[in-house]
Amino acid sequence: MTLNPADRWNQRYSQPEYAYGSLPNVYFQSRLDELTPGTILLPADGEGRNGVYAATRGWDVDSFDISTEGQKKALALAKESNVNIRYHVGTLASAPFLNQAFDVLALVYAHFSPDTRSDYLASLVNLLKVGGYVIFEAFSKENLLYRAKNPDIGGPPDAGSLYSLQEVRSAFEHFSIVELAQVETDLHEGLYHNGVGSVIRFFGRKL
């Protein structure tokens, strides 16, 4: 029996351990630390490791995901870290976010269905203020080669859910690009991102 996406993520996040660890993604942390705290939106924030880190750095944090189990873990991590985050469970369409409300949009391993991804990313970009920043890291299409050698690196098993440089460039076409690169990186993130993989990183400012 194939689980629907919410049930699949609830199953993964219901275990005691943090699936991708409780520490922030290294690239996200490095770029966020360059910016002055303001409002930040983290779609697909899972168990909250990145949202909670942002809150510890003084950011006003909104996270969302489809997983109630992820929300529970995120709020527990926030309490442990003595910070507050707002965490919405549901789809973007049901979320209470206003256009141009955020200073930063952070997409960390936010892999969406290829048939809806372009429209979804465009809707997310609309939530970002002019002059605001996107911090993005996700697996590239070439990660399938790394995954075949080492399944522990994780990431989607289908090319359609992975990114190419051109797809990322197109998604953020109205941005001043600070960084756009496909790189090989050694990940150590909890139970499911371990080893050398191929990722795409983007950091840019909305024009």
N, C-alpha and C. Protein backbone atom coordinates (compact mmCIF):
# COMPACT_ATOMS: atom_id res chain seq x y z
N MET A 1 0.84 -1.20 0.00
CA MET A 1 0.00 0.00 0.00
C MET A 1 0.88 1.25 0.00
N THR A 2 0.61 2.17 -0.92
CA THR A 2 1.38 3.40 -1.01
C THR A 2 0.76 4.47 -0.11
N LEU A 3 1.58 5.06 0.75
CA LEU A 3 1.09 6.09 1.65
C LEU A 3 0.96 7.41 0.92
N ASN A 4 -0.04 8.21 1.30
CA ASN A 4 -0.09 9.57 0.75
C ASN A 4 1.03 10.39 1.38
N PRO A 5 1.38 11.54 0.78
CA PRO A 5 2.55 12.28 1.28
C PRO A 5 2.50 12.63 2.76
N ALA A 6 1.34 13.08 3.25
CA ALA A 6 1.26 13.45 4.67
C ALA A 6 1.50 12.25 5.57
N ASP A 7 0.92 11.11 5.23
CA ASP A 7 1.12 9.92 6.04
C ASP A 7 2.57 9.44 5.99
N ARG A 8 3.18 9.57 4.81
CA ARG A 8 4.57 9.14 4.67
C ARG A 8 5.49 9.98 5.56
N TRP A 9 5.29 11.30 5.56
CA TRP A 9 6.13 12.15 6.39
C TRP A 9 5.78 12.01 7.87
N ASN A 10 4.52 11.80 8.19
CA ASN A 10 4.17 11.55 9.59
C ASN A 10 4.83 10.28 10.10
N GLN A 11 4.89 9.27 9.26
CA GLN A 11 5.55 8.02 9.65
C GLN A 11 7.04 8.26 9.91
N ARG A 12 7.68 9.02 9.03
CA ARG A 12 9.11 9.29 9.21
C ARG A 12 9.37 10.12 10.46
N TYR A 13 8.54 11.12 10.71
CA TYR A 13 8.80 12.03 11.82
C TYR A 13 8.28 11.52 13.15
N SER A 14 7.58 10.39 13.17
CA SER A 14 7.03 9.89 14.43
C SER A 14 8.06 9.16 15.28
N GLN A 15 9.23 8.86 14.71
CA GLN A 15 10.26 8.19 15.50
C GLN A 15 10.91 9.17 16.47
N PRO A 16 11.51 8.68 17.56
CA PRO A 16 12.08 9.59 18.57
C PRO A 16 13.20 10.48 18.03
N GLU A 17 14.05 9.93 17.16
CA GLU A 17 15.18 10.71 16.64
C GLU A 17 14.68 11.74 15.63
N TYR A 18 15.46 12.81 15.51
CA TYR A 18 15.17 13.80 14.47
C TYR A 18 15.70 13.26 13.14
N ALA A 19 14.79 13.10 12.19
CA ALA A 19 15.12 12.41 10.94
C ALA A 19 16.32 13.03 10.23
N TYR A 20 16.41 14.36 10.24
CA TYR A 20 17.51 15.07 9.58
C TYR A 20 18.36 15.83 10.59
N GLY A 21 18.28 15.40 11.84
CA GLY A 21 19.05 16.04 12.90
C GLY A 21 18.34 17.26 13.46
N SER A 22 18.86 17.77 14.55
CA SER A 22 18.29 18.96 15.18
C SER A 22 19.11 20.21 14.90
N LEU A 23 20.23 20.05 14.21
CA LEU A 23 21.06 21.20 13.86
C LEU A 23 20.66 21.74 12.48
N PRO A 24 20.87 23.02 12.23
CA PRO A 24 20.47 23.59 10.94
C PRO A 24 21.33 23.07 9.80
N ASN A 25 20.79 23.13 8.60
CA ASN A 25 21.56 22.87 7.40
C ASN A 25 22.73 23.86 7.33
N VAL A 26 23.90 23.37 6.99
CA VAL A 26 25.12 24.19 7.03
C VAL A 26 25.03 25.38 6.08
N TYR A 27 24.56 25.14 4.86
CA TYR A 27 24.48 26.24 3.90
C TYR A 27 23.46 27.28 4.34
N PHE A 28 22.31 26.82 4.78
CA PHE A 28 21.29 27.74 5.29
C PHE A 28 21.85 28.59 6.43
N GLN A 29 22.52 27.96 7.36
CA GLN A 29 23.08 28.69 8.50
C GLN A 29 24.08 29.74 8.04
N SER A 30 24.95 29.36 7.12
CA SER A 30 26.00 30.29 6.70
C SER A 30 25.42 31.52 6.01
N ARG A 31 24.39 31.33 5.18
CA ARG A 31 23.80 32.46 4.47
C ARG A 31 22.91 33.29 5.40
N LEU A 32 22.17 32.63 6.27
CA LEU A 32 21.30 33.38 7.18
C LEU A 32 22.11 34.28 8.09
N ASP A 33 23.26 33.80 8.50
CA ASP A 33 24.09 34.58 9.42
C ASP A 33 24.68 35.83 8.78
N GLU A 34 24.57 35.95 7.46
CA GLU A 34 25.02 37.16 6.76
C GLU A 34 23.97 38.27 6.80
N LEU A 35 22.74 37.93 7.18
CA LEU A 35 21.62 38.85 7.04
C LEU A 35 21.17 39.41 8.38
N THR A 36 20.56 40.60 8.32
CA THR A 36 19.97 41.22 9.51
C THR A 36 18.63 40.56 9.80
N PRO A 37 18.38 40.13 11.04
CA PRO A 37 17.12 39.44 11.33
C PRO A 37 15.89 40.25 10.98
N GLY A 38 14.88 39.55 10.48
CA GLY A 38 13.59 40.13 10.13
C GLY A 38 12.57 39.01 10.11
N THR A 39 11.72 38.97 9.10
CA THR A 39 10.72 37.92 8.97
C THR A 39 11.21 36.87 8.00
N ILE A 40 10.97 35.60 8.33
CA ILE A 40 11.44 34.50 7.48
C ILE A 40 10.36 33.44 7.37
N LEU A 41 10.21 32.91 6.17
CA LEU A 41 9.27 31.82 5.89
C LEU A 41 10.06 30.59 5.49
N LEU A 42 9.72 29.45 6.11
CA LEU A 42 10.39 28.19 5.82
C LEU A 42 9.35 27.14 5.42
N PRO A 43 9.06 27.01 4.12
CA PRO A 43 8.20 25.93 3.66
C PRO A 43 8.91 24.59 3.82
N ALA A 44 8.12 23.52 3.99
CA ALA A 44 8.68 22.17 4.13
C ALA A 44 9.74 22.13 5.23
N ASP A 45 9.41 22.73 6.38
CA ASP A 45 10.39 22.84 7.46
C ASP A 45 10.48 21.58 8.31
N GLY A 46 9.67 20.58 8.00
CA GLY A 46 9.82 19.28 8.67
C GLY A 46 9.78 19.36 10.17
N GLU A 47 10.85 18.90 10.82
CA GLU A 47 10.93 18.88 12.27
C GLU A 47 11.51 20.17 12.85
N GLY A 48 11.68 21.19 12.01
CA GLY A 48 11.94 22.53 12.51
C GLY A 48 13.37 22.91 12.77
N ARG A 49 14.32 22.10 12.33
CA ARG A 49 15.72 22.41 12.69
C ARG A 49 16.17 23.77 12.17
N ASN A 50 15.72 24.14 10.97
CA ASN A 50 16.14 25.42 10.41
C ASN A 50 15.32 26.59 10.96
N GLY A 51 14.03 26.38 11.12
CA GLY A 51 13.21 27.43 11.71
C GLY A 51 13.61 27.77 13.13
N VAL A 52 13.90 26.75 13.91
CA VAL A 52 14.32 26.98 15.29
C VAL A 52 15.66 27.70 15.33
N TYR A 53 16.58 27.31 14.46
CA TYR A 53 17.86 28.01 14.44
C TYR A 53 17.65 29.49 14.12
N ALA A 54 16.81 29.77 13.14
CA ALA A 54 16.56 31.17 12.78
C ALA A 54 16.00 31.94 13.98
N ALA A 55 15.11 31.31 14.73
CA ALA A 55 14.53 31.98 15.90
C ALA A 55 15.59 32.26 16.96
N THR A 56 16.55 31.37 17.12
CA THR A 56 17.62 31.61 18.10
C THR A 56 18.51 32.77 17.68
N ARG A 57 18.46 33.12 16.39
CA ARG A 57 19.26 34.23 15.88
C ARG A 57 18.46 35.52 15.79
N GLY A 58 17.24 35.50 16.34
CA GLY A 58 16.46 36.73 16.41
C GLY A 58 15.46 36.93 15.29
N TRP A 59 15.25 35.93 14.44
CA TRP A 59 14.29 36.05 13.35
C TRP A 59 12.87 35.77 13.83
N ASP A 60 11.92 36.43 13.18
CA ASP A 60 10.49 36.18 13.39
C ASP A 60 10.10 35.09 12.39
N VAL A 61 9.80 33.89 12.89
CA VAL A 61 9.77 32.68 12.07
C VAL A 61 8.35 32.16 11.83
N ASP A 62 8.05 31.93 10.55
CA ASP A 62 6.87 31.16 10.14
C ASP A 62 7.36 29.94 9.38
N SER A 63 6.94 28.77 9.84
CA SER A 63 7.25 27.51 9.16
C SER A 63 5.95 26.84 8.75
N PHE A 64 6.02 26.00 7.71
CA PHE A 64 4.87 25.15 7.45
C PHE A 64 5.28 23.88 6.75
N ASP A 65 4.41 22.87 6.91
CA ASP A 65 4.64 21.56 6.34
C ASP A 65 3.30 20.83 6.35
N ILE A 66 3.26 19.65 5.74
CA ILE A 66 2.02 18.87 5.73
C ILE A 66 1.96 17.86 6.87
N SER A 67 2.98 17.81 7.70
CA SER A 67 3.10 16.77 8.71
C SER A 67 2.80 17.28 10.12
N THR A 68 1.80 16.69 10.75
CA THR A 68 1.51 17.03 12.15
C THR A 68 2.61 16.52 13.08
N GLU A 69 3.21 15.38 12.72
CA GLU A 69 4.31 14.85 13.54
C GLU A 69 5.53 15.76 13.44
N GLY A 70 5.77 16.31 12.27
CA GLY A 70 6.85 17.28 12.12
C GLY A 70 6.61 18.50 12.99
N GLN A 71 5.38 18.98 12.99
CA GLN A 71 5.04 20.14 13.82
C GLN A 71 5.33 19.85 15.30
N LYS A 72 4.94 18.67 15.78
CA LYS A 72 5.17 18.33 17.18
C LYS A 72 6.66 18.38 17.52
N LYS A 73 7.46 17.80 16.65
CA LYS A 73 8.90 17.77 16.90
C LYS A 73 9.48 19.19 16.84
N ALA A 74 9.00 19.99 15.89
CA ALA A 74 9.50 21.36 15.74
C ALA A 74 9.18 22.20 16.98
N LEU A 75 7.96 22.09 17.47
CA LEU A 75 7.58 22.88 18.64
C LEU A 75 8.32 22.41 19.89
N ALA A 76 8.59 21.11 19.97
CA ALA A 76 9.38 20.60 21.09
C ALA A 76 10.81 21.13 21.03
N LEU A 77 11.37 21.16 19.82
CA LEU A 77 12.73 21.67 19.65
C LEU A 77 12.78 23.16 19.97
N ALA A 78 11.75 23.90 19.58
CA ALA A 78 11.69 25.33 19.89
C ALA A 78 11.64 25.56 21.39
N LYS A 79 10.82 24.76 22.08
CA LYS A 79 10.72 24.89 23.54
C LYS A 79 12.05 24.58 24.21
N GLU A 80 12.70 23.53 23.73
CA GLU A 80 14.01 23.17 24.27
C GLU A 80 15.04 24.28 24.05
N SER A 81 14.88 25.03 22.97
CA SER A 81 15.81 26.09 22.63
C SER A 81 15.37 27.45 23.16
N ASN A 82 14.25 27.48 23.89
CA ASN A 82 13.72 28.70 24.51
C ASN A 82 13.39 29.78 23.48
N VAL A 83 12.79 29.35 22.36
CA VAL A 83 12.35 30.30 21.34
C VAL A 83 10.93 29.92 20.91
N ASN A 84 10.31 30.81 20.16
CA ASN A 84 8.98 30.56 19.62
C ASN A 84 9.02 30.61 18.09
N ILE A 85 8.29 29.70 17.47
CA ILE A 85 8.07 29.75 16.03
C ILE A 85 6.58 29.51 15.78
N ARG A 86 6.08 30.07 14.69
CA ARG A 86 4.72 29.76 14.24
C ARG A 86 4.82 28.66 13.19
N TYR A 87 4.07 27.59 13.40
CA TYR A 87 4.18 26.43 12.51
C TYR A 87 2.79 26.05 12.02
N HIS A 88 2.57 26.25 10.73
CA HIS A 88 1.28 25.94 10.11
C HIS A 88 1.34 24.56 9.46
N VAL A 89 0.34 23.74 9.73
CA VAL A 89 0.23 22.44 9.09
C VAL A 89 -0.82 22.52 7.99
N GLY A 90 -0.42 22.15 6.78
CA GLY A 90 -1.35 22.18 5.66
C GLY A 90 -0.65 22.58 4.38
N THR A 91 -1.43 22.92 3.39
CA THR A 91 -0.90 23.32 2.09
C THR A 91 -0.65 24.83 2.07
N LEU A 92 0.08 25.26 1.07
CA LEU A 92 0.31 26.69 0.91
C LEU A 92 -1.00 27.43 0.69
N ALA A 93 -1.91 26.81 -0.06
CA ALA A 93 -3.20 27.45 -0.35
C ALA A 93 -4.00 27.73 0.91
N SER A 94 -3.81 26.90 1.93
CA SER A 94 -4.56 27.08 3.18
C SER A 94 -3.81 27.90 4.21
N ALA A 95 -2.58 28.29 3.90
CA ALA A 95 -1.76 29.03 4.87
C ALA A 95 -2.16 30.51 4.92
N PRO A 96 -2.02 31.13 6.09
CA PRO A 96 -2.49 32.50 6.28
C PRO A 96 -1.45 33.57 5.94
N PHE A 97 -0.63 33.34 4.92
CA PHE A 97 0.47 34.24 4.61
C PHE A 97 0.04 35.28 3.58
N LEU A 98 0.58 36.50 3.75
CA LEU A 98 0.26 37.60 2.85
C LEU A 98 1.40 37.82 1.87
N ASN A 99 1.07 38.27 0.67
CA ASN A 99 2.09 38.58 -0.33
C ASN A 99 3.03 39.67 0.19
N GLN A 100 4.29 39.52 -0.14
CA GLN A 100 5.35 40.47 0.22
C GLN A 100 5.41 40.70 1.74
N ALA A 101 5.28 39.61 2.50
CA ALA A 101 5.29 39.71 3.96
C ALA A 101 6.63 39.34 4.57
N PHE A 102 7.52 38.72 3.78
CA PHE A 102 8.73 38.14 4.37
C PHE A 102 10.00 38.74 3.80
N ASP A 103 11.00 38.84 4.68
CA ASP A 103 12.33 39.32 4.28
C ASP A 103 13.18 38.20 3.69
N VAL A 104 12.91 36.96 4.10
CA VAL A 104 13.67 35.81 3.61
C VAL A 104 12.73 34.64 3.37
N LEU A 105 12.98 33.93 2.28
CA LEU A 105 12.32 32.67 1.98
C LEU A 105 13.41 31.61 1.96
N ALA A 106 13.29 30.60 2.81
CA ALA A 106 14.31 29.55 2.90
C ALA A 106 13.73 28.22 2.45
N LEU A 107 14.33 27.66 1.42
CA LEU A 107 13.90 26.37 0.87
C LEU A 107 15.06 25.39 1.00
N VAL A 108 14.96 24.52 1.97
CA VAL A 108 16.03 23.58 2.27
C VAL A 108 15.52 22.16 2.06
N TYR A 109 15.98 21.53 0.99
CA TYR A 109 15.51 20.20 0.60
C TYR A 109 13.99 20.17 0.48
N ALA A 110 13.46 21.19 -0.16
CA ALA A 110 12.02 21.30 -0.42
C ALA A 110 11.78 20.80 -1.85
N HIS A 111 11.55 19.50 -1.96
CA HIS A 111 11.36 18.86 -3.26
C HIS A 111 9.87 18.68 -3.51
N PHE A 112 9.38 19.30 -4.57
CA PHE A 112 7.95 19.29 -4.88
C PHE A 112 7.67 18.48 -6.13
N SER A 113 6.42 18.08 -6.29
CA SER A 113 6.00 17.34 -7.47
C SER A 113 6.30 18.14 -8.73
N PRO A 114 6.90 17.53 -9.75
CA PRO A 114 7.31 18.29 -10.94
C PRO A 114 6.14 18.93 -11.69
N ASP A 115 4.94 18.39 -11.57
CA ASP A 115 3.81 18.96 -12.31
C ASP A 115 3.25 20.21 -11.67
N THR A 116 3.59 20.46 -10.41
CA THR A 116 3.09 21.65 -9.73
C THR A 116 4.21 22.59 -9.26
N ARG A 117 5.45 22.18 -9.41
CA ARG A 117 6.56 22.90 -8.78
C ARG A 117 6.68 24.34 -9.26
N SER A 118 6.59 24.57 -10.56
CA SER A 118 6.79 25.93 -11.09
C SER A 118 5.78 26.91 -10.50
N ASP A 119 4.51 26.52 -10.51
CA ASP A 119 3.47 27.39 -9.96
C ASP A 119 3.64 27.56 -8.46
N TYR A 120 4.04 26.50 -7.79
CA TYR A 120 4.21 26.54 -6.34
C TYR A 120 5.34 27.49 -5.95
N LEU A 121 6.46 27.38 -6.64
CA LEU A 121 7.59 28.26 -6.34
C LEU A 121 7.25 29.71 -6.66
N ALA A 122 6.50 29.94 -7.74
CA ALA A 122 6.09 31.31 -8.07
C ALA A 122 5.21 31.88 -6.97
N SER A 123 4.32 31.07 -6.41
CA SER A 123 3.47 31.54 -5.31
C SER A 123 4.30 31.87 -4.08
N LEU A 124 5.32 31.07 -3.82
CA LEU A 124 6.19 31.35 -2.68
C LEU A 124 6.98 32.64 -2.88
N VAL A 125 7.48 32.84 -4.08
CA VAL A 125 8.23 34.07 -4.37
C VAL A 125 7.35 35.30 -4.17
N ASN A 126 6.06 35.19 -4.45
CA ASN A 126 5.14 36.32 -4.24
C ASN A 126 5.04 36.71 -2.77
N LEU A 127 5.35 35.80 -1.88
CA LEU A 127 5.28 36.09 -0.44
C LEU A 127 6.50 36.87 0.05
N LEU A 128 7.51 36.97 -0.79
CA LEU A 128 8.77 37.63 -0.42
C LEU A 128 8.74 39.11 -0.81
N LYS A 129 9.21 39.94 0.08
CA LYS A 129 9.30 41.37 -0.20
C LYS A 129 10.29 41.65 -1.33
N VAL A 130 10.07 42.72 -2.06
CA VAL A 130 11.10 43.21 -2.98
C VAL A 130 12.33 43.57 -2.14
N GLY A 131 13.47 43.09 -2.56
CA GLY A 131 14.68 43.29 -1.77
C GLY A 131 14.96 42.17 -0.79
N GLY A 132 13.99 41.24 -0.68
CA GLY A 132 14.19 40.09 0.19
C GLY A 132 15.04 39.01 -0.46
N TYR A 133 15.46 38.04 0.34
CA TYR A 133 16.41 37.03 -0.11
C TYR A 133 15.80 35.63 -0.12
N VAL A 134 16.25 34.82 -1.05
CA VAL A 134 15.98 33.38 -1.06
C VAL A 134 17.27 32.65 -0.71
N ILE A 135 17.15 31.70 0.23
CA ILE A 135 18.23 30.76 0.54
C ILE A 135 17.72 29.38 0.14
N PHE A 136 18.44 28.73 -0.75
CA PHE A 136 17.96 27.48 -1.34
C PHE A 136 19.07 26.44 -1.40
N GLU A 137 18.77 25.24 -0.91
CA GLU A 137 19.65 24.10 -1.16
C GLU A 137 18.77 22.87 -1.36
N ALA A 138 19.04 22.11 -2.42
CA ALA A 138 18.27 20.90 -2.71
C ALA A 138 19.12 19.98 -3.57
N PHE A 139 18.72 18.73 -3.64
CA PHE A 139 19.47 17.78 -4.44
C PHE A 139 19.31 18.06 -5.93
N SER A 140 20.42 17.92 -6.65
CA SER A 140 20.41 18.07 -8.11
C SER A 140 20.00 16.75 -8.76
N LYS A 141 19.72 16.81 -10.05
CA LYS A 141 19.37 15.59 -10.78
C LYS A 141 20.52 14.58 -10.77
N GLU A 142 21.74 15.08 -10.70
CA GLU A 142 22.89 14.18 -10.68
C GLU A 142 23.01 13.40 -9.37
N ASN A 143 22.22 13.79 -8.36
CA ASN A 143 22.29 13.05 -7.10
C ASN A 143 21.84 11.61 -7.26
N LEU A 144 21.09 11.31 -8.32
CA LEU A 144 20.68 9.92 -8.56
C LEU A 144 21.90 9.02 -8.71
N LEU A 145 22.97 9.52 -9.31
CA LEU A 145 24.20 8.74 -9.45
C LEU A 145 24.84 8.49 -8.09
N TYR A 146 24.83 9.49 -7.23
CA TYR A 146 25.39 9.34 -5.89
C TYR A 146 24.51 8.41 -5.05
N ARG A 147 23.21 8.53 -5.22
CA ARG A 147 22.26 7.70 -4.47
C ARG A 147 22.39 6.23 -4.84
N ALA A 148 22.70 5.96 -6.11
CA ALA A 148 22.89 4.58 -6.55
C ALA A 148 24.10 3.94 -5.86
N LYS A 149 25.12 4.75 -5.61
CA LYS A 149 26.33 4.25 -4.95
C LYS A 149 26.15 4.19 -3.43
N ASN A 150 25.39 5.14 -2.89
CA ASN A 150 25.22 5.23 -1.44
C ASN A 150 23.80 5.68 -1.13
N PRO A 151 22.86 4.76 -0.91
CA PRO A 151 21.48 5.14 -0.62
C PRO A 151 21.33 6.01 0.62
N ASP A 152 22.32 5.99 1.51
CA ASP A 152 22.22 6.78 2.74
C ASP A 152 22.25 8.28 2.49
N ILE A 153 22.67 8.71 1.30
CA ILE A 153 22.67 10.15 1.02
C ILE A 153 21.25 10.67 0.95
N GLY A 154 20.31 9.80 0.61
CA GLY A 154 18.90 10.21 0.58
C GLY A 154 18.55 11.03 -0.65
N GLY A 155 17.42 11.72 -0.55
CA GLY A 155 16.92 12.49 -1.67
C GLY A 155 15.91 11.71 -2.48
N PRO A 156 15.07 12.41 -3.26
CA PRO A 156 14.07 11.74 -4.09
C PRO A 156 14.70 10.75 -5.07
N PRO A 157 14.00 9.63 -5.34
CA PRO A 157 14.54 8.63 -6.25
C PRO A 157 14.20 8.88 -7.71
N ASP A 158 13.48 9.97 -8.00
CA ASP A 158 13.07 10.25 -9.38
C ASP A 158 13.61 11.59 -9.83
N ALA A 159 14.06 11.64 -11.08
CA ALA A 159 14.69 12.86 -11.60
C ALA A 159 13.73 14.04 -11.61
N GLY A 160 12.44 13.77 -11.82
CA GLY A 160 11.48 14.86 -11.90
C GLY A 160 11.36 15.69 -10.63
N SER A 161 11.63 15.08 -9.49
CA SER A 161 11.54 15.80 -8.21
C SER A 161 12.85 16.48 -7.83
N LEU A 162 13.89 16.26 -8.63
CA LEU A 162 15.18 16.88 -8.40
C LEU A 162 15.33 18.12 -9.28
N TYR A 163 16.38 18.89 -9.04
CA TYR A 163 16.54 20.19 -9.70
C TYR A 163 17.74 20.20 -10.65
N SER A 164 17.60 20.99 -11.70
CA SER A 164 18.74 21.35 -12.55
C SER A 164 19.06 22.82 -12.30
N LEU A 165 20.25 23.23 -12.71
CA LEU A 165 20.61 24.64 -12.58
C LEU A 165 19.62 25.53 -13.34
N GLN A 166 19.23 25.10 -14.54
CA GLN A 166 18.32 25.91 -15.34
C GLN A 166 16.96 26.03 -14.68
N GLU A 167 16.48 24.97 -14.07
CA GLU A 167 15.18 25.03 -13.38
C GLU A 167 15.22 26.00 -12.21
N VAL A 168 16.31 26.00 -11.48
CA VAL A 168 16.43 26.94 -10.35
C VAL A 168 16.56 28.37 -10.87
N ARG A 169 17.36 28.56 -11.89
CA ARG A 169 17.51 29.89 -12.48
C ARG A 169 16.16 30.42 -12.97
N SER A 170 15.36 29.57 -13.59
CA SER A 170 14.06 29.99 -14.10
C SER A 170 13.09 30.31 -12.96
N ALA A 171 13.15 29.53 -11.90
CA ALA A 171 12.26 29.77 -10.76
C ALA A 171 12.52 31.12 -10.11
N PHE A 172 13.76 31.56 -10.15
CA PHE A 172 14.14 32.82 -9.51
C PHE A 172 14.71 33.80 -10.54
N GLU A 173 14.02 33.91 -11.66
CA GLU A 173 14.53 34.72 -12.77
C GLU A 173 14.56 36.21 -12.45
N HIS A 174 13.68 36.67 -11.56
CA HIS A 174 13.64 38.10 -11.23
C HIS A 174 14.41 38.37 -9.94
N PHE A 175 15.60 37.80 -9.89
CA PHE A 175 16.46 37.95 -8.72
C PHE A 175 17.85 38.36 -9.16
N SER A 176 18.50 39.13 -8.30
CA SER A 176 19.93 39.37 -8.43
C SER A 176 20.65 38.19 -7.79
N ILE A 177 21.43 37.47 -8.58
CA ILE A 177 22.05 36.23 -8.10
C ILE A 177 23.35 36.53 -7.37
N VAL A 178 23.41 36.09 -6.12
CA VAL A 178 24.66 36.13 -5.36
C VAL A 178 25.42 34.83 -5.58
N GLU A 179 24.69 33.72 -5.55
CA GLU A 179 25.31 32.42 -5.79
C GLU A 179 24.29 31.49 -6.44
N LEU A 180 24.72 30.81 -7.48
CA LEU A 180 23.96 29.72 -8.08
C LEU A 180 24.98 28.70 -8.55
N ALA A 181 24.99 27.53 -7.92
CA ALA A 181 26.02 26.55 -8.22
C ALA A 181 25.53 25.14 -7.92
N GLN A 182 26.02 24.22 -8.71
CA GLN A 182 25.85 22.80 -8.41
C GLN A 182 27.15 22.32 -7.81
N VAL A 183 27.08 21.73 -6.62
CA VAL A 183 28.30 21.35 -5.91
C VAL A 183 28.16 19.95 -5.34
N GLU A 184 29.29 19.31 -5.15
CA GLU A 184 29.37 18.05 -4.42
C GLU A 184 29.58 18.39 -2.96
N THR A 185 28.79 17.79 -2.09
CA THR A 185 28.91 18.11 -0.67
C THR A 185 28.79 16.85 0.17
N ASP A 186 29.39 16.87 1.33
CA ASP A 186 29.37 15.74 2.26
C ASP A 186 28.39 16.08 3.37
N LEU A 187 27.25 15.41 3.37
CA LEU A 187 26.19 15.72 4.32
C LEU A 187 26.22 14.77 5.51
N HIS A 188 25.95 15.34 6.68
CA HIS A 188 25.78 14.56 7.91
C HIS A 188 24.59 15.16 8.66
N GLU A 189 23.40 14.78 8.19
CA GLU A 189 22.17 15.36 8.72
C GLU A 189 21.24 14.25 9.19
N GLY A 190 21.33 13.94 10.48
CA GLY A 190 20.43 12.97 11.07
C GLY A 190 20.56 11.58 10.47
N LEU A 191 19.42 10.91 10.29
CA LEU A 191 19.39 9.53 9.83
C LEU A 191 19.39 9.38 8.32
N TYR A 192 18.97 10.42 7.59
CA TYR A 192 18.62 10.24 6.19
C TYR A 192 19.43 11.03 5.16
N HIS A 193 20.35 11.87 5.60
CA HIS A 193 21.24 12.58 4.68
C HIS A 193 22.67 12.33 5.13
N ASN A 194 23.27 11.25 4.64
CA ASN A 194 24.62 10.92 5.10
C ASN A 194 25.49 10.45 3.93
N GLY A 195 26.56 11.21 3.70
CA GLY A 195 27.50 10.87 2.64
C GLY A 195 27.65 11.98 1.64
N VAL A 196 28.32 11.67 0.55
CA VAL A 196 28.60 12.65 -0.50
C VAL A 196 27.46 12.64 -1.51
N GLY A 197 26.94 13.81 -1.81
CA GLY A 197 25.87 13.95 -2.78
C GLY A 197 26.05 15.20 -3.63
N SER A 198 25.12 15.39 -4.54
CA SER A 198 25.16 16.54 -5.45
C SER A 198 23.97 17.44 -5.16
N VAL A 199 24.26 18.72 -4.86
CA VAL A 199 23.20 19.66 -4.52
C VAL A 199 23.32 20.92 -5.37
N ILE A 200 22.22 21.63 -5.44
CA ILE A 200 22.22 22.96 -6.04
C ILE A 200 21.96 23.97 -4.94
N ARG A 201 22.76 25.03 -4.96
CA ARG A 201 22.63 26.11 -3.98
C ARG A 201 22.33 27.41 -4.70
N PHE A 202 21.39 28.15 -4.13
CA PHE A 202 21.05 29.46 -4.68
C PHE A 202 20.88 30.44 -3.53
N PHE A 203 21.45 31.62 -3.74
CA PHE A 203 21.26 32.72 -2.79
C PHE A 203 21.09 33.97 -3.66
N GLY A 204 19.96 34.62 -3.51
CA GLY A 204 19.69 35.78 -4.37
C GLY A 204 18.71 36.74 -3.75
N ARG A 205 18.67 37.96 -4.33
CA ARG A 205 17.85 39.04 -3.82
C ARG A 205 16.77 39.39 -4.83
N LYS A 206 15.54 39.49 -4.37
CA LYS A 206 14.40 39.77 -5.26
C LYS A 206 14.44 41.20 -5.75
N LEU A 207 14.30 41.35 -7.07
CA LEU A 207 14.33 42.68 -7.69
C LEU A 207 12.94 43.29 -7.74
